[in-house]
Amino acid sequence: MSGRRLPRAAKGKRPRFHKTEGVDELFAVVVALTAEVSTLSERLKTLESVLEKTRKIPIQAIEKHELSDADLAVRAVAREALIERVFQAVEAGVAQKRQR
């Protein structure tokens, strides 16, 4: 490789695929959610498979599990990050409109 570095931010306008305002952003949100759901589904199936083989955690333990304040804080941060990723396309569209 030549050692050239690619710019961190794309230049120019974001490509539009649909004439109707907001459709591209909505599509981007759906794609982001699909990626999240796919990842969670794969992780859950892996967890179920491991649990079935090892029988280490009874289902009741999951139902009765209580989260600590630290666990709740970690989940809140993860939830906010998920929301940010999912709505990133919408926020980018709003920011682009404000620049016009």
PDB file of N, CA and C in Angstrom:
ATOM      1  N   MET A   1       0.844  -1.186   0.000  1.00  0.00           N
ATOM      2  CA  MET A   1       0.000   0.000   0.000  1.00  0.00           C
ATOM      3  C   MET A   1       0.879   1.235   0.000  1.00  0.00           C
ATOM      4  N   SER A   2       0.321   2.335  -0.438  1.00  0.00           N
ATOM      5  CA  SER A   2       1.077   3.574  -0.588  1.00  0.00           C
ATOM      6  C   SER A   2       1.249   4.330   0.716  1.00  0.00           C
ATOM      7  N   GLY A   3       0.570   3.932   1.777  1.00  0.00           N
ATOM      8  CA  GLY A   3       0.682   4.645   3.040  1.00  0.00           C
ATOM      9  C   GLY A   3      -0.248   5.842   3.140  1.00  0.00           C
ATOM     10  N   ARG A   4      -1.049   6.076   2.107  1.00  0.00           N
ATOM     11  CA  ARG A   4      -2.012   7.188   2.158  1.00  0.00           C
ATOM     12  C   ARG A   4      -3.114   6.844   3.133  1.00  0.00           C
ATOM     13  N   ARG A   5      -3.545   7.844   3.878  1.00  0.00           N
ATOM     14  CA  ARG A   5      -4.626   7.639   4.837  1.00  0.00           C
ATOM     15  C   ARG A   5      -5.912   8.198   4.260  1.00  0.00           C
ATOM     16  N   LEU A   6      -6.983   7.476   4.473  1.00  0.00           N
ATOM     17  CA  LEU A   6      -8.291   7.928   4.015  1.00  0.00           C
ATOM     18  C   LEU A   6      -8.834   8.979   4.976  1.00  0.00           C
ATOM     19  N   PRO A   7      -9.573   9.953   4.451  1.00  0.00           N
ATOM     20  CA  PRO A   7     -10.155  10.963   5.349  1.00  0.00           C
ATOM     21  C   PRO A   7     -11.160  10.325   6.298  1.00  0.00           C
ATOM     22  N   ARG A   8     -11.258  10.880   7.517  1.00  0.00           N
ATOM     23  CA  ARG A   8     -12.156  10.326   8.526  1.00  0.00           C
ATOM     24  C   ARG A   8     -13.602  10.701   8.257  1.00  0.00           C
ATOM     25  N   ALA A   9     -13.836  11.782   7.570  1.00  0.00           N
ATOM     26  CA  ALA A   9     -15.208  12.225   7.289  1.00  0.00           C
ATOM     27  C   ALA A   9     -15.423  12.250   5.776  1.00  0.00           C
ATOM     28  N   ALA A  10     -16.573  11.769   5.376  1.00  0.00           N
ATOM     29  CA  ALA A  10     -16.901  11.777   3.951  1.00  0.00           C
ATOM     30  C   ALA A  10     -17.180  13.205   3.494  1.00  0.00           C
ATOM     31  N   LYS A  11     -16.790  13.487   2.276  1.00  0.00           N
ATOM     32  CA  LYS A  11     -17.053  14.813   1.719  1.00  0.00           C
ATOM     33  C   LYS A  11     -18.248  14.733   0.784  1.00  0.00           C
ATOM     34  N   GLY A  12     -18.926  15.825   0.641  1.00  0.00           N
ATOM     35  CA  GLY A  12     -20.060  15.876  -0.265  1.00  0.00           C
ATOM     36  C   GLY A  12     -21.353  15.496   0.419  1.00  0.00           C
ATOM     37  N   LYS A  13     -22.403  15.506  -0.385  1.00  0.00           N
ATOM     38  CA  LYS A  13     -23.726  15.195   0.153  1.00  0.00           C
ATOM     39  C   LYS A  13     -23.902  13.698   0.324  1.00  0.00           C
ATOM     40  N   ARG A  14     -24.761  13.356   1.245  1.00  0.00           N
ATOM     41  CA  ARG A  14     -25.120  11.953   1.472  1.00  0.00           C
ATOM     42  C   ARG A  14     -25.965  11.492   0.273  1.00  0.00           C
ATOM     43  N   PRO A  15     -25.705  10.307  -0.270  1.00  0.00           N
ATOM     44  CA  PRO A  15     -26.505   9.850  -1.417  1.00  0.00           C
ATOM     45  C   PRO A  15     -27.968   9.639  -1.024  1.00  0.00           C
ATOM     46  N   ARG A  16     -28.849   9.979  -1.916  1.00  0.00           N
ATOM     47  CA  ARG A  16     -30.293   9.818  -1.701  1.00  0.00           C
ATOM     48  C   ARG A  16     -30.780   8.747  -2.673  1.00  0.00           C
ATOM     49  N   PHE A  17     -31.609   7.838  -2.174  1.00  0.00           N
ATOM     50  CA  PHE A  17     -32.139   6.778  -3.005  1.00  0.00           C
ATOM     51  C   PHE A  17     -33.637   6.932  -3.241  1.00  0.00           C
ATOM     52  N   HIS A  18     -34.301   7.642  -2.340  1.00  0.00           N
ATOM     53  CA  HIS A  18     -35.741   7.858  -2.455  1.00  0.00           C
ATOM     54  C   HIS A  18     -36.028   9.354  -2.494  1.00  0.00           C
ATOM     55  N   LYS A  19     -36.972   9.728  -3.322  1.00  0.00           N
ATOM     56  CA  LYS A  19     -37.333  11.141  -3.446  1.00  0.00           C
ATOM     57  C   LYS A  19     -38.059  11.658  -2.213  1.00  0.00           C
ATOM     58  N   THR A  20     -38.854  10.816  -1.587  1.00  0.00           N
ATOM     59  CA  THR A  20     -39.640  11.233  -0.431  1.00  0.00           C
ATOM     60  C   THR A  20     -38.727  11.498   0.755  1.00  0.00           C
ATOM     61  N   GLU A  21     -38.893  12.662   1.348  1.00  0.00           N
ATOM     62  CA  GLU A  21     -38.083  13.069   2.497  1.00  0.00           C
ATOM     63  C   GLU A  21     -38.237  12.094   3.663  1.00  0.00           C
ATOM     64  N   GLY A  22     -37.123  11.686   4.251  1.00  0.00           N
ATOM     65  CA  GLY A  22     -37.153  10.845   5.436  1.00  0.00           C
ATOM     66  C   GLY A  22     -37.109   9.348   5.177  1.00  0.00           C
ATOM     67  N   VAL A  23     -37.378   8.926   3.960  1.00  0.00           N
ATOM     68  CA  VAL A  23     -37.418   7.496   3.665  1.00  0.00           C
ATOM     69  C   VAL A  23     -36.023   6.880   3.790  1.00  0.00           C
ATOM     70  N   ASP A  24     -35.012   7.559   3.300  1.00  0.00           N
ATOM     71  CA  ASP A  24     -33.649   7.034   3.404  1.00  0.00           C
ATOM     72  C   ASP A  24     -33.229   6.903   4.867  1.00  0.00           C
ATOM     73  N   GLU A  25     -33.564   7.894   5.671  1.00  0.00           N
ATOM     74  CA  GLU A  25     -33.216   7.846   7.091  1.00  0.00           C
ATOM     75  C   GLU A  25     -33.956   6.718   7.804  1.00  0.00           C
ATOM     76  N   LEU A  26     -35.229   6.559   7.468  1.00  0.00           N
ATOM     77  CA  LEU A  26     -36.018   5.472   8.058  1.00  0.00           C
ATOM     78  C   LEU A  26     -35.426   4.119   7.672  1.00  0.00           C
ATOM     79  N   PHE A  27     -35.030   3.990   6.433  1.00  0.00           N
ATOM     80  CA  PHE A  27     -34.410   2.751   5.968  1.00  0.00           C
ATOM     81  C   PHE A  27     -33.119   2.485   6.744  1.00  0.00           C
ATOM     82  N   ALA A  28     -32.324   3.524   6.968  1.00  0.00           N
ATOM     83  CA  ALA A  28     -31.075   3.370   7.726  1.00  0.00           C
ATOM     84  C   ALA A  28     -31.357   2.924   9.158  1.00  0.00           C
ATOM     85  N   VAL A  29     -32.430   3.438   9.756  1.00  0.00           N
ATOM     86  CA  VAL A  29     -32.814   3.026  11.105  1.00  0.00           C
ATOM     87  C   VAL A  29     -33.196   1.550  11.108  1.00  0.00           C
ATOM     88  N   VAL A  30     -33.958   1.129  10.121  1.00  0.00           N
ATOM     89  CA  VAL A  30     -34.378  -0.270  10.039  1.00  0.00           C
ATOM     90  C   VAL A  30     -33.159  -1.179   9.865  1.00  0.00           C
ATOM     91  N   VAL A  31     -32.219  -0.775   9.047  1.00  0.00           N
ATOM     92  CA  VAL A  31     -31.003  -1.574   8.850  1.00  0.00           C
ATOM     93  C   VAL A  31     -30.218  -1.668  10.160  1.00  0.00           C
ATOM     94  N   ALA A  32     -30.082  -0.557  10.873  1.00  0.00           N
ATOM     95  CA  ALA A  32     -29.361  -0.562  12.147  1.00  0.00           C
ATOM     96  C   ALA A  32     -30.052  -1.477  13.159  1.00  0.00           C
ATOM     97  N   LEU A  33     -31.370  -1.397  13.238  1.00  0.00           N
ATOM     98  CA  LEU A  33     -32.112  -2.267  14.158  1.00  0.00           C
ATOM     99  C   LEU A  33     -31.981  -3.737  13.773  1.00  0.00           C
ATOM    100  N   THR A  34     -31.993  -4.000  12.484  1.00  0.00           N
ATOM    101  CA  THR A  34     -31.835  -5.369  12.005  1.00  0.00           C
ATOM    102  C   THR A  34     -30.474  -5.923  12.409  1.00  0.00           C
ATOM    103  N   ALA A  35     -29.439  -5.117  12.292  1.00  0.00           N
ATOM    104  CA  ALA A  35     -28.098  -5.548  12.697  1.00  0.00           C
ATOM    105  C   ALA A  35     -28.063  -5.841  14.192  1.00  0.00           C
ATOM    106  N   GLU A  36     -28.683  -4.979  14.983  1.00  0.00           N
ATOM    107  CA  GLU A  36     -28.717  -5.186  16.428  1.00  0.00           C
ATOM    108  C   GLU A  36     -29.476  -6.467  16.782  1.00  0.00           C
ATOM    109  N   VAL A  37     -30.643  -6.658  16.185  1.00  0.00           N
ATOM    110  CA  VAL A  37     -31.463  -7.838  16.473  1.00  0.00           C
ATOM    111  C   VAL A  37     -30.728  -9.109  16.038  1.00  0.00           C
ATOM    112  N   SER A  38     -30.075  -9.063  14.911  1.00  0.00           N
ATOM    113  CA  SER A  38     -29.325 -10.220  14.426  1.00  0.00           C
ATOM    114  C   SER A  38     -28.223 -10.598  15.406  1.00  0.00           C
ATOM    115  N   THR A  39     -27.487  -9.612  15.869  1.00  0.00           N
ATOM    116  CA  THR A  39     -26.414  -9.863  16.831  1.00  0.00           C
ATOM    117  C   THR A  39     -26.966 -10.440  18.123  1.00  0.00           C
ATOM    118  N   LEU A  40     -28.033  -9.844  18.630  1.00  0.00           N
ATOM    119  CA  LEU A  40     -28.636 -10.334  19.872  1.00  0.00           C
ATOM    120  C   LEU A  40     -29.181 -11.753  19.709  1.00  0.00           C
ATOM    121  N   SER A  41     -29.784 -12.023  18.572  1.00  0.00           N
ATOM    122  CA  SER A  41     -30.318 -13.369  18.322  1.00  0.00           C
ATOM    123  C   SER A  41     -29.204 -14.409  18.315  1.00  0.00           C
ATOM    124  N   GLU A  42     -28.096 -14.098  17.662  1.00  0.00           N
ATOM    125  CA  GLU A  42     -26.979 -15.038  17.621  1.00  0.00           C
ATOM    126  C   GLU A  42     -26.402 -15.268  19.015  1.00  0.00           C
ATOM    127  N   ARG A  43     -26.257 -14.199  19.787  1.00  0.00           N
ATOM    128  CA  ARG A  43     -25.732 -14.335  21.145  1.00  0.00           C
ATOM    129  C   ARG A  43     -26.684 -15.152  22.019  1.00  0.00           C
ATOM    130  N   LEU A  44     -27.974 -14.910  21.877  1.00  0.00           N
ATOM    131  CA  LEU A  44     -28.958 -15.642  22.667  1.00  0.00           C
ATOM    132  C   LEU A  44     -28.943 -17.123  22.312  1.00  0.00           C
ATOM    133  N   LYS A  45     -28.871 -17.440  21.019  1.00  0.00           N
ATOM    134  CA  LYS A  45     -28.822 -18.843  20.603  1.00  0.00           C
ATOM    135  C   LYS A  45     -27.571 -19.526  21.139  1.00  0.00           C
ATOM    136  N   THR A  46     -26.454 -18.807  21.151  1.00  0.00           N
ATOM    137  CA  THR A  46     -25.217 -19.360  21.707  1.00  0.00           C
ATOM    138  C   THR A  46     -25.380 -19.625  23.199  1.00  0.00           C
ATOM    139  N   LEU A  47     -25.940 -18.664  23.907  1.00  0.00           N
ATOM    140  CA  LEU A  47     -26.176 -18.822  25.342  1.00  0.00           C
ATOM    141  C   LEU A  47     -27.096 -20.006  25.618  1.00  0.00           C
ATOM    142  N   GLU A  48     -28.172 -20.115  24.852  1.00  0.00           N
ATOM    143  CA  GLU A  48     -29.091 -21.244  25.038  1.00  0.00           C
ATOM    144  C   GLU A  48     -28.401 -22.573  24.791  1.00  0.00           C
ATOM    145  N   SER A  49     -27.565 -22.625  23.778  1.00  0.00           N
ATOM    146  CA  SER A  49     -26.853 -23.854  23.450  1.00  0.00           C
ATOM    147  C   SER A  49     -25.895 -24.241  24.581  1.00  0.00           C
ATOM    148  N   VAL A  50     -25.156 -23.274  25.090  1.00  0.00           N
ATOM    149  CA  VAL A  50     -24.228 -23.538  26.189  1.00  0.00           C
ATOM    150  C   VAL A  50     -24.992 -23.986  27.428  1.00  0.00           C
ATOM    151  N   LEU A  51     -26.098 -23.322  27.721  1.00  0.00           N
ATOM    152  CA  LEU A  51     -26.894 -23.689  28.890  1.00  0.00           C
ATOM    153  C   LEU A  51     -27.477 -25.086  28.754  1.00  0.00           C
ATOM    154  N   GLU A  52     -27.909 -25.423  27.549  1.00  0.00           N
ATOM    155  CA  GLU A  52     -28.480 -26.755  27.328  1.00  0.00           C
ATOM    156  C   GLU A  52     -27.421 -27.833  27.561  1.00  0.00           C
ATOM    157  N   LYS A  53     -26.201 -27.561  27.106  1.00  0.00           N
ATOM    158  CA  LYS A  53     -25.131 -28.552  27.253  1.00  0.00           C
ATOM    159  C   LYS A  53     -24.620 -28.650  28.689  1.00  0.00           C
ATOM    160  N   THR A  54     -24.493 -27.516  29.346  1.00  0.00           N
ATOM    161  CA  THR A  54     -23.880 -27.521  30.680  1.00  0.00           C
ATOM    162  C   THR A  54     -24.895 -27.589  31.812  1.00  0.00           C
ATOM    163  N   ARG A  55     -26.102 -27.149  31.537  1.00  0.00           N
ATOM    164  CA  ARG A  55     -27.163 -27.129  32.553  1.00  0.00           C
ATOM    165  C   ARG A  55     -26.697 -26.441  33.843  1.00  0.00           C
ATOM    166  N   LYS A  56     -25.980 -25.353  33.672  1.00  0.00           N
ATOM    167  CA  LYS A  56     -25.411 -24.659  34.821  1.00  0.00           C
ATOM    168  C   LYS A  56     -26.346 -23.590  35.395  1.00  0.00           C
ATOM    169  N   ILE A  57     -27.221 -23.045  34.586  1.00  0.00           N
ATOM    170  CA  ILE A  57     -28.078 -21.962  35.049  1.00  0.00           C
ATOM    171  C   ILE A  57     -29.538 -22.352  34.830  1.00  0.00           C
ATOM    172  N   PRO A  58     -30.277 -22.558  35.910  1.00  0.00           N
ATOM    173  CA  PRO A  58     -31.696 -22.861  35.741  1.00  0.00           C
ATOM    174  C   PRO A  58     -32.456 -21.628  35.246  1.00  0.00           C
ATOM    175  N   ILE A  59     -33.468 -21.846  34.448  1.00  0.00           N
ATOM    176  CA  ILE A  59     -34.259 -20.746  33.904  1.00  0.00           C
ATOM    177  C   ILE A  59     -34.800 -19.864  35.021  1.00  0.00           C
ATOM    178  N   GLN A  60     -35.184 -20.452  36.140  1.00  0.00           N
ATOM    179  CA  GLN A  60     -35.716 -19.672  37.257  1.00  0.00           C
ATOM    180  C   GLN A  60     -34.679 -18.673  37.767  1.00  0.00           C
ATOM    181  N   ALA A  61     -33.416 -19.035  37.693  1.00  0.00           N
ATOM    182  CA  ALA A  61     -32.363 -18.123  38.140  1.00  0.00           C
ATOM    183  C   ALA A  61     -32.340 -16.864  37.282  1.00  0.00           C
ATOM    184  N   ILE A  62     -32.614 -17.026  36.000  1.00  0.00           N
ATOM    185  CA  ILE A  62     -32.655 -15.864  35.103  1.00  0.00           C
ATOM    186  C   ILE A  62     -33.870 -15.011  35.429  1.00  0.00           C
ATOM    187  N   GLU A  63     -35.011 -15.661  35.655  1.00  0.00           N
ATOM    188  CA  GLU A  63     -36.248 -14.938  35.961  1.00  0.00           C
ATOM    189  C   GLU A  63     -36.150 -14.178  37.283  1.00  0.00           C
ATOM    190  N   LYS A  64     -35.464 -14.758  38.269  1.00  0.00           N
ATOM    191  CA  LYS A  64     -35.393 -14.160  39.600  1.00  0.00           C
ATOM    192  C   LYS A  64     -34.172 -13.265  39.797  1.00  0.00           C
ATOM    193  N   HIS A  65     -33.303 -13.216  38.803  1.00  0.00           N
ATOM    194  CA  HIS A  65     -32.053 -12.455  38.917  1.00  0.00           C
ATOM    195  C   HIS A  65     -32.337 -10.978  39.139  1.00  0.00           C
ATOM    196  N   GLU A  66     -31.675 -10.405  40.127  1.00  0.00           N
ATOM    197  CA  GLU A  66     -31.813  -8.986  40.404  1.00  0.00           C
ATOM    198  C   GLU A  66     -30.500  -8.289  40.069  1.00  0.00           C
ATOM    199  N   LEU A  67     -30.608  -7.202  39.363  1.00  0.00           N
ATOM    200  CA  LEU A  67     -29.422  -6.467  38.941  1.00  0.00           C
ATOM    201  C   LEU A  67     -28.956  -5.521  40.040  1.00  0.00           C
ATOM    202  N   SER A  68     -27.647  -5.396  40.157  1.00  0.00           N
ATOM    203  CA  SER A  68     -27.083  -4.434  41.100  1.00  0.00           C
ATOM    204  C   SER A  68     -27.178  -3.038  40.483  1.00  0.00           C
ATOM    205  N   ASP A  69     -26.926  -2.032  41.292  1.00  0.00           N
ATOM    206  CA  ASP A  69     -26.918  -0.662  40.779  1.00  0.00           C
ATOM    207  C   ASP A  69     -25.859  -0.495  39.693  1.00  0.00           C
ATOM    208  N   ALA A  70     -24.720  -1.154  39.884  1.00  0.00           N
ATOM    209  CA  ALA A  70     -23.650  -1.085  38.875  1.00  0.00           C
ATOM    210  C   ALA A  70     -24.107  -1.732  37.564  1.00  0.00           C
ATOM    211  N   ASP A  71     -24.772  -2.882  37.671  1.00  0.00           N
ATOM    212  CA  ASP A  71     -25.299  -3.553  36.474  1.00  0.00           C
ATOM    213  C   ASP A  71     -26.308  -2.657  35.756  1.00  0.00           C
ATOM    214  N   LEU A  72     -27.191  -2.039  36.531  1.00  0.00           N
ATOM    215  CA  LEU A  72     -28.195  -1.142  35.952  1.00  0.00           C
ATOM    216  C   LEU A  72     -27.531   0.029  35.231  1.00  0.00           C
ATOM    217  N   ALA A  73     -26.464   0.560  35.827  1.00  0.00           N
ATOM    218  CA  ALA A  73     -25.745   1.676  35.208  1.00  0.00           C
ATOM    219  C   ALA A  73     -25.091   1.249  33.890  1.00  0.00           C
ATOM    220  N   VAL A  74     -24.492   0.060  33.892  1.00  0.00           N
ATOM    221  CA  VAL A  74     -23.856  -0.450  32.669  1.00  0.00           C
ATOM    222  C   VAL A  74     -24.900  -0.650  31.583  1.00  0.00           C
ATOM    223  N   ARG A  75     -26.044  -1.207  31.945  1.00  0.00           N
ATOM    224  CA  ARG A  75     -27.112  -1.417  30.964  1.00  0.00           C
ATOM    225  C   ARG A  75     -27.664  -0.094  30.442  1.00  0.00           C
ATOM    226  N   ALA A  76     -27.763   0.908  31.299  1.00  0.00           N
ATOM    227  CA  ALA A  76     -28.256   2.223  30.864  1.00  0.00           C
ATOM    228  C   ALA A  76     -27.313   2.822  29.823  1.00  0.00           C
ATOM    229  N   VAL A  77     -26.014   2.691  30.057  1.00  0.00           N
ATOM    230  CA  VAL A  77     -25.029   3.193  29.086  1.00  0.00           C
ATOM    231  C   VAL A  77     -25.160   2.435  27.768  1.00  0.00           C
ATOM    232  N   ALA A  78     -25.285   1.116  27.844  1.00  0.00           N
ATOM    233  CA  ALA A  78     -25.430   0.294  26.632  1.00  0.00           C
ATOM    234  C   ALA A  78     -26.714   0.642  25.885  1.00  0.00           C
ATOM    235  N   ARG A  79     -27.801   0.886  26.638  1.00  0.00           N
ATOM    236  CA  ARG A  79     -29.081   1.253  26.017  1.00  0.00           C
ATOM    237  C   ARG A  79     -28.963   2.583  25.274  1.00  0.00           C
ATOM    238  N   GLU A  80     -28.322   3.552  25.905  1.00  0.00           N
ATOM    239  CA  GLU A  80     -28.134   4.854  25.256  1.00  0.00           C
ATOM    240  C   GLU A  80     -27.273   4.730  24.001  1.00  0.00           C
ATOM    241  N   ALA A  81     -26.245   3.885  24.056  1.00  0.00           N
ATOM    242  CA  ALA A  81     -25.397   3.666  22.880  1.00  0.00           C
ATOM    243  C   ALA A  81     -26.189   3.023  21.749  1.00  0.00           C
ATOM    244  N   LEU A  82     -27.053   2.068  22.094  1.00  0.00           N
ATOM    245  CA  LEU A  82     -27.913   1.437  21.089  1.00  0.00           C
ATOM    246  C   LEU A  82     -28.838   2.470  20.448  1.00  0.00           C
ATOM    247  N   ILE A  83     -29.475   3.279  21.265  1.00  0.00           N
ATOM    248  CA  ILE A  83     -30.378   4.308  20.742  1.00  0.00           C
ATOM    249  C   ILE A  83     -29.617   5.266  19.836  1.00  0.00           C
ATOM    250  N   GLU A  84     -28.415   5.629  20.237  1.00  0.00           N
ATOM    251  CA  GLU A  84     -27.602   6.533  19.420  1.00  0.00           C
ATOM    252  C   GLU A  84     -27.267   5.909  18.067  1.00  0.00           C
ATOM    253  N   ARG A  85     -26.882   4.621  18.076  1.00  0.00           N
ATOM    254  CA  ARG A  85     -26.562   3.941  16.812  1.00  0.00           C
ATOM    255  C   ARG A  85     -27.782   3.836  15.911  1.00  0.00           C
ATOM    256  N   VAL A  86     -28.920   3.501  16.495  1.00  0.00           N
ATOM    257  CA  VAL A  86     -30.130   3.291  15.702  1.00  0.00           C
ATOM    258  C   VAL A  86     -30.593   4.598  15.065  1.00  0.00           C
ATOM    259  N   PHE A  87     -30.546   5.673  15.824  1.00  0.00           N
ATOM    260  CA  PHE A  87     -31.073   6.940  15.316  1.00  0.00           C
ATOM    261  C   PHE A  87     -30.005   7.848  14.718  1.00  0.00           C
ATOM    262  N   GLN A  88     -28.815   7.329  14.522  1.00  0.00           N
ATOM    263  CA  GLN A  88     -27.722   8.108  13.947  1.00  0.00           C
ATOM    264  C   GLN A  88     -28.090   8.680  12.568  1.00  0.00           C
ATOM    265  N   ALA A  89     -28.729   7.896  11.751  1.00  0.00           N
ATOM    266  CA  ALA A  89     -29.095   8.348  10.405  1.00  0.00           C
ATOM    267  C   ALA A  89     -30.107   9.483  10.465  1.00  0.00           C
ATOM    268  N   VAL A  90     -31.057   9.390  11.379  1.00  0.00           N
ATOM    269  CA  VAL A  90     -32.061  10.445  11.504  1.00  0.00           C
ATOM    270  C   VAL A  90     -31.397  11.727  11.982  1.00  0.00           C
ATOM    271  N   GLU A  91     -30.538  11.627  12.975  1.00  0.00           N
ATOM    272  CA  GLU A  91     -29.849  12.793  13.496  1.00  0.00           C
ATOM    273  C   GLU A  91     -28.957  13.431  12.436  1.00  0.00           C
ATOM    274  N   ALA A  92     -28.306  12.596  11.623  1.00  0.00           N
ATOM    275  CA  ALA A  92     -27.466  13.122  10.547  1.00  0.00           C
ATOM    276  C   ALA A  92     -28.312  13.883   9.529  1.00  0.00           C
ATOM    277  N   GLY A  93     -29.495  13.367   9.229  1.00  0.00           N
ATOM    278  CA  GLY A  93     -30.394  14.049   8.301  1.00  0.00           C
ATOM    279  C   GLY A  93     -30.861  15.385   8.841  1.00  0.00           C
ATOM    280  N   VAL A  94     -31.173  15.436  10.131  1.00  0.00           N
ATOM    281  CA  VAL A  94     -31.600  16.697  10.761  1.00  0.00           C
ATOM    282  C   VAL A  94     -30.451  17.687  10.743  1.00  0.00           C
ATOM    283  N   ALA A  95     -29.255  17.240  11.068  1.00  0.00           N
ATOM    284  CA  ALA A  95     -28.092  18.128  11.072  1.00  0.00           C
ATOM    285  C   ALA A  95     -27.811  18.670   9.679  1.00  0.00           C
ATOM    286  N   GLN A  96     -27.985  17.825   8.680  1.00  0.00           N
ATOM    287  CA  GLN A  96     -27.751  18.247   7.297  1.00  0.00           C
ATOM    288  C   GLN A  96     -28.753  19.306   6.882  1.00  0.00           C
ATOM    289  N   LYS A  97     -30.010  19.163   7.308  1.00  0.00           N
ATOM    290  CA  LYS A  97     -31.038  20.154   6.987  1.00  0.00           C
ATOM    291  C   LYS A  97     -30.734  21.490   7.646  1.00  0.00           C
ATOM    292  N   ARG A  98     -30.202  21.435   8.849  1.00  0.00           N
ATOM    293  CA  ARG A  98     -29.872  22.669   9.570  1.00  0.00           C
ATOM    294  C   ARG A  98     -28.751  23.422   8.897  1.00  0.00           C
ATOM    295  N   GLN A  99     -27.870  22.712   8.206  1.00  0.00           N
ATOM    296  CA  GLN A  99     -26.749  23.347   7.534  1.00  0.00           C
ATOM    297  C   GLN A  99     -27.172  24.066   6.261  1.00  0.00           C
ATOM    298  N   ARG A 100     -28.316  23.729   5.739  1.00  0.00           N
ATOM    299  CA  ARG A 100     -28.756  24.341   4.467  1.00  0.00           C
ATOM    300  C   ARG A 100     -29.147  25.754   4.643  1.00  0.00           C
TER     301      ARG A 100
END
